Amino acid sequence: MAGHGNTRTKGLVAARDALGARGYDFVQSKFHGDVFIIGGDRPVTVRPKISSGKFEGDSWPWDLPPTAREDFYLFVLDKKGKRPKFWIVPSAFVRGALEGNHHGWYLARNEEAKIAAEPMRVLQPWMIREFEGRWDLLGSPKK
């Protein structure tokens, strides 16, 4: 994946810029990948997930189901030539949406042995549309 690193780097910069522009006090760290620890009313852990819109349209693929290591996901859709879009989604909602979508995909197929072994999950924007721009879920930024 030649462009993956560049997409990820650009998406992380967009996420940092968006958090900073909204006044959040945060640190970027590594814990099973990049995370942001955001202070404020109550500290939260936010895992960024970046897409350039090239994999199955505007979606975010997972090789393995997500875990409960973070409080929120910050989905970034950073398409070339467009302003980034952001979704702030509770991690429990993400896990449920991914498993529900995978189960629907599973039921629509007839190749049970192959499907049961498929770890890939895909999150699409329609599944999280109510969370677009929901920065308020991260608590009040420091003024």
Protein backbone atom coordinates (compact mmCIF):
# COMPACT_ATOMS: atom_id res chain seq x y z
CA MET A 1 0.00 0.00 0.00
CA ALA A 2 2.20 2.78 -1.26
CA GLY A 3 -0.19 5.64 -0.46
CA HIS A 4 -1.30 4.36 2.96
CA GLY A 5 1.44 6.14 4.93
CA ASN A 6 0.85 9.45 3.17
CA THR A 7 -2.92 9.20 3.68
CA ARG A 8 -2.43 8.35 7.35
CA THR A 9 0.03 11.20 7.91
CA LYS A 10 -2.23 13.75 6.21
CA GLY A 11 -5.24 12.48 8.14
CA LEU A 12 -3.41 12.68 11.47
CA VAL A 13 -2.36 16.26 10.70
CA ALA A 14 -5.99 17.11 9.83
CA ALA A 15 -7.18 15.52 13.10
CA ARG A 16 -4.58 17.40 15.19
CA ASP A 17 -5.46 20.67 13.43
CA ALA A 18 -9.20 20.12 14.00
CA LEU A 19 -8.74 19.31 17.70
CA GLY A 20 -6.47 22.33 18.18
CA ALA A 21 -8.79 24.68 16.27
CA ARG A 22 -11.63 23.70 18.61
CA GLY A 23 -9.55 24.42 21.72
CA TYR A 24 -8.98 20.87 22.95
CA ASP A 25 -5.98 20.26 25.18
CA PHE A 26 -4.54 16.94 23.95
CA VAL A 27 -1.44 14.82 23.57
CA GLN A 28 -0.79 12.40 20.75
CA SER A 29 0.58 9.08 21.92
CA LYS A 30 1.09 5.50 20.78
CA PHE A 31 -0.99 2.69 22.23
CA HIS A 32 -1.60 -0.07 19.72
CA GLY A 33 -1.29 2.69 17.11
CA ASP A 34 -1.89 6.42 17.32
CA VAL A 35 -4.25 7.83 19.95
CA PHE A 36 -5.10 11.27 21.27
CA ILE A 37 -5.51 11.73 25.01
CA ILE A 38 -7.85 14.69 25.42
CA GLY A 39 -8.15 16.59 28.70
CA GLY A 40 -11.10 18.74 29.61
CA ASP A 41 -14.12 17.87 31.74
CA ARG A 42 -13.01 14.25 31.79
CA PRO A 43 -9.97 12.83 29.99
CA VAL A 44 -10.83 10.58 27.06
CA THR A 45 -8.84 8.41 24.68
CA VAL A 46 -9.59 8.94 20.99
CA ARG A 47 -8.33 6.69 18.21
CA PRO A 48 -8.10 8.27 14.76
CA LYS A 49 -9.16 6.19 11.76
CA ILE A 50 -8.24 7.72 8.40
CA SER A 51 -9.71 7.19 4.92
CA SER A 52 -8.94 8.83 1.60
CA GLY A 53 -12.13 7.44 0.07
CA LYS A 54 -10.24 4.99 -2.17
CA PHE A 55 -11.24 1.70 -0.47
CA GLU A 56 -14.82 0.82 -1.43
CA GLY A 57 -15.68 4.50 -1.61
CA ASP A 58 -15.91 6.52 1.58
CA SER A 59 -15.37 3.80 4.15
CA TRP A 60 -12.98 2.56 6.81
CA PRO A 61 -11.82 -1.08 6.63
CA TRP A 62 -10.76 -3.13 9.67
CA ASP A 63 -8.56 -6.20 9.46
CA LEU A 64 -9.58 -7.21 12.96
CA PRO A 65 -12.60 -6.16 15.03
CA PRO A 66 -11.88 -3.12 17.26
CA THR A 67 -11.36 -3.52 20.99
CA ALA A 68 -12.49 -1.42 23.94
CA ARG A 69 -9.12 0.33 24.39
CA GLU A 70 -10.47 3.77 23.53
CA ASP A 71 -13.48 5.88 24.44
CA PHE A 72 -14.07 7.30 20.95
CA TYR A 73 -13.00 6.97 17.36
CA LEU A 74 -12.26 10.06 15.32
CA PHE A 75 -13.02 9.12 11.72
CA VAL A 76 -11.35 11.34 9.17
CA LEU A 77 -12.35 11.33 5.51
CA ASP A 78 -9.56 13.22 3.77
CA LYS A 79 -10.28 13.16 0.04
CA LYS A 80 -7.83 14.83 -2.30
CA GLY A 81 -8.88 18.38 -3.13
CA LYS A 82 -11.64 18.52 -0.48
CA ARG A 83 -11.86 19.68 3.12
CA PRO A 84 -11.61 16.81 5.59
CA LYS A 85 -14.79 15.56 7.25
CA PHE A 86 -14.86 14.29 10.83
CA TRP A 87 -17.07 11.90 12.80
CA ILE A 88 -16.65 11.47 16.57
CA VAL A 89 -18.15 8.11 17.50
CA PRO A 90 -18.27 6.20 20.82
CA SER A 91 -16.22 3.03 20.50
CA ALA A 92 -19.05 0.77 21.70
CA PHE A 93 -21.23 2.09 18.85
CA VAL A 94 -18.42 1.38 16.37
CA ARG A 95 -18.04 -2.19 17.56
CA GLY A 96 -21.79 -2.81 17.29
CA ALA A 97 -22.08 -1.19 13.86
CA LEU A 98 -19.17 -3.21 12.48
CA GLU A 99 -20.49 -6.50 13.79
CA GLY A 100 -24.03 -5.74 12.62
CA ASN A 101 -22.81 -4.84 9.14
CA HIS A 102 -20.61 -7.95 9.02
CA HIS A 103 -23.53 -10.14 10.09
CA GLY A 104 -25.70 -8.70 7.29
CA TRP A 105 -22.88 -9.33 4.82
CA TYR A 106 -22.56 -12.87 6.18
CA LEU A 107 -26.29 -13.62 5.79
CA ALA A 108 -26.28 -12.42 2.17
CA ARG A 109 -23.66 -15.02 1.17
CA ASN A 110 -23.80 -18.78 0.69
CA GLU A 111 -20.13 -19.66 1.20
CA GLU A 112 -20.32 -20.28 4.95
CA ALA A 113 -16.88 -21.82 5.52
CA LYS A 114 -15.08 -18.94 3.81
CA ILE A 115 -17.25 -16.26 5.41
CA ALA A 116 -16.91 -17.57 8.95
CA ALA A 117 -13.13 -17.19 8.66
CA GLU A 118 -13.27 -13.64 7.19
CA PRO A 119 -12.01 -11.10 9.76
CA MET A 120 -12.47 -8.01 7.53
CA ARG A 121 -15.01 -5.45 8.73
CA VAL A 122 -16.05 -2.25 6.92
CA LEU A 123 -17.58 0.87 8.43
CA GLN A 124 -19.40 3.17 6.03
CA PRO A 125 -20.42 6.82 6.62
CA TRP A 126 -24.17 6.08 6.55
CA MET A 127 -23.66 3.95 9.67
CA ILE A 128 -22.27 6.89 11.63
CA ARG A 129 -23.92 9.90 9.94
CA GLU A 130 -25.45 11.15 13.21
CA PHE A 131 -21.93 11.57 14.63
CA GLU A 132 -20.54 13.88 11.93
CA GLY A 133 -19.02 16.94 13.59
CA ARG A 134 -20.04 15.82 17.11
CA TRP A 135 -17.06 17.39 18.84
CA ASP A 136 -19.27 17.99 21.90
CA LEU A 137 -19.03 14.28 22.72
CA LEU A 138 -15.38 14.82 23.69
CA GLY A 139 -16.36 17.19 26.50
CA SER A 140 -15.83 20.91 26.80
CA PRO A 141 -12.49 22.17 25.50
CA LYS A 142 -10.31 24.30 27.74
CA LYS A 143 -10.83 27.98 27.01
